[in-house]
Amino acid sequence: MGTYKDLEIYSLSLELFFKVHPLTLKLPKYELYELGSQLRRSSHSVVSNIVEGYGRRRYKKEYVKFLIYEHSSNDETLNHLEKLAVLYPDLISEFLDLKEKYNDLGKKINRFIRFVENSK
């Protein structure tokens, strides 16, 4: 493994971040600074925790800790998507599509956490 950029969970989370950001800009102006902002930040945090954790990979417990942070941010992102899908039915298909992709990402993150925990 060369860098964090070689991790599937990194490339998927970055791709999803680039889909989330413009979608939040379609929200009403008052929501841009409420749930829209929270969604952008949690989506960003998924990516950032992969990068920061990878930088600490020599220290297994630190690495796992940041992978768990990443998973938590993924769950937070899912929660924001669920709320926005209900509040803005005109965007529901886009929110539900992202929700499905973040669910898949969460499974991959879980598998990667187990892999790191079980490695030497």
Protein backbone atom coordinates (compact mmCIF):
# COMPACT_ATOMS: atom_id res chain seq x y z
CA MET A 1 0.00 0.00 0.00
CA GLY A 2 1.60 3.26 -1.13
CA THR A 3 -0.52 6.09 0.29
CA TYR A 4 -3.99 6.73 1.67
CA LYS A 5 -4.99 7.53 -1.91
CA ASP A 6 -4.66 3.82 -2.68
CA LEU A 7 -7.41 2.95 -0.19
CA GLU A 8 -10.81 2.21 -1.70
CA ILE A 9 -12.53 3.82 1.29
CA TYR A 10 -10.62 7.03 0.60
CA SER A 11 -11.51 7.23 -3.08
CA LEU A 12 -15.16 6.39 -2.37
CA SER A 13 -15.48 8.92 0.45
CA LEU A 14 -13.85 11.64 -1.66
CA GLU A 15 -16.17 10.88 -4.58
CA LEU A 16 -19.18 11.08 -2.25
CA PHE A 17 -17.95 14.34 -0.75
CA PHE A 18 -17.83 15.83 -4.25
CA LYS A 19 -21.46 14.76 -4.76
CA VAL A 20 -22.69 15.98 -1.37
CA HIS A 21 -21.24 19.46 -1.56
CA PRO A 22 -23.09 20.71 -4.68
CA LEU A 23 -26.28 18.95 -3.61
CA THR A 24 -26.35 20.94 -0.36
CA LEU A 25 -26.15 24.14 -2.38
CA LYS A 26 -29.58 23.29 -3.84
CA LEU A 27 -31.13 23.65 -0.38
CA PRO A 28 -33.01 26.79 0.60
CA LYS A 29 -30.71 29.61 1.71
CA TYR A 30 -31.60 29.31 5.41
CA GLU A 31 -30.77 25.59 5.30
CA LEU A 32 -27.33 26.16 3.78
CA TYR A 33 -26.05 27.20 7.20
CA GLU A 34 -28.00 24.61 9.19
CA LEU A 35 -28.32 21.01 8.02
CA GLY A 36 -26.56 21.79 4.75
CA SER A 37 -23.47 22.94 6.61
CA GLN A 38 -23.58 19.97 8.99
CA LEU A 39 -23.86 17.57 6.06
CA ARG A 40 -20.92 19.19 4.26
CA ARG A 41 -18.79 19.04 7.42
CA SER A 42 -19.60 15.42 8.29
CA SER A 43 -18.97 14.32 4.70
CA HIS A 44 -15.67 16.20 4.74
CA SER A 45 -14.79 14.58 8.07
CA VAL A 46 -15.14 11.07 6.62
CA VAL A 47 -12.41 11.86 4.10
CA SER A 48 -10.21 13.82 6.52
CA ASN A 49 -10.18 11.10 9.16
CA ILE A 50 -8.92 8.57 6.63
CA VAL A 51 -6.05 10.86 5.75
CA GLU A 52 -5.18 11.75 9.33
CA GLY A 53 -5.47 8.17 10.52
CA TYR A 54 -3.29 6.91 7.70
CA GLY A 55 -0.58 9.32 8.84
CA ARG A 56 -0.65 7.52 12.21
CA ARG A 57 -0.76 3.98 10.85
CA ARG A 58 2.47 3.02 12.61
CA TYR A 59 0.52 3.26 15.84
CA LYS A 60 -2.22 0.70 15.39
CA LYS A 61 -4.45 2.00 18.20
CA GLU A 62 -4.25 5.56 16.82
CA TYR A 63 -5.00 4.34 13.32
CA VAL A 64 -8.03 2.36 14.48
CA LYS A 65 -9.20 5.33 16.54
CA PHE A 66 -9.28 7.55 13.44
CA LEU A 67 -10.97 4.83 11.40
CA ILE A 68 -13.66 4.71 14.08
CA TYR A 69 -13.96 8.51 13.88
CA GLU A 70 -14.34 8.08 10.13
CA HIS A 71 -17.12 5.54 10.64
CA SER A 72 -18.83 7.85 13.13
CA SER A 73 -18.72 10.72 10.64
CA ASN A 74 -20.15 8.38 8.03
CA ASP A 75 -23.04 7.58 10.37
CA GLU A 76 -23.56 11.28 11.05
CA THR A 77 -23.66 11.93 7.31
CA LEU A 78 -26.28 9.21 6.90
CA ASN A 79 -28.39 10.79 9.62
CA HIS A 80 -28.28 14.21 7.96
CA LEU A 81 -29.23 12.66 4.61
CA GLU A 82 -32.22 10.92 6.20
CA LYS A 83 -33.47 14.17 7.73
CA LEU A 84 -33.00 16.15 4.53
CA ALA A 85 -34.79 13.49 2.45
CA VAL A 86 -37.89 13.97 4.61
CA LEU A 87 -37.65 17.75 4.81
CA TYR A 88 -37.04 18.31 1.08
CA PRO A 89 -39.01 15.72 -0.90
CA ASP A 90 -38.14 17.41 -4.20
CA LEU A 91 -34.52 16.28 -3.62
CA ILE A 92 -35.40 12.90 -2.07
CA SER A 93 -34.04 10.76 -4.92
CA GLU A 94 -30.63 12.44 -4.71
CA PHE A 95 -30.50 12.17 -0.91
CA LEU A 96 -31.59 8.52 -0.95
CA ASP A 97 -29.02 7.65 -3.63
CA LEU A 98 -26.29 9.17 -1.47
CA LYS A 99 -27.67 7.43 1.61
CA GLU A 100 -27.35 4.06 -0.15
CA LYS A 101 -23.77 4.84 -1.16
CA TYR A 102 -22.84 5.97 2.36
CA ASN A 103 -24.38 2.75 3.73
CA ASP A 104 -22.11 0.77 1.42
CA LEU A 105 -19.13 2.89 2.43
CA GLY A 106 -19.90 2.25 6.11
CA LYS A 107 -19.75 -1.51 5.49
CA LYS A 108 -16.39 -1.14 3.76
CA ILE A 109 -15.06 1.01 6.60
CA ASN A 110 -16.15 -1.66 9.10
CA ARG A 111 -14.37 -4.37 7.11
CA PHE A 112 -11.24 -2.22 6.90
CA ILE A 113 -11.30 -1.56 10.67
CA ARG A 114 -11.45 -5.33 11.29
CA PHE A 115 -8.61 -5.86 8.81
CA VAL A 116 -6.41 -3.30 10.59
CA GLU A 117 -7.28 -4.66 14.03
CA ASN A 118 -6.39 -8.21 12.97
CA SER A 119 -3.16 -7.29 11.18
CA LYS A 120 0.26 -7.39 12.84
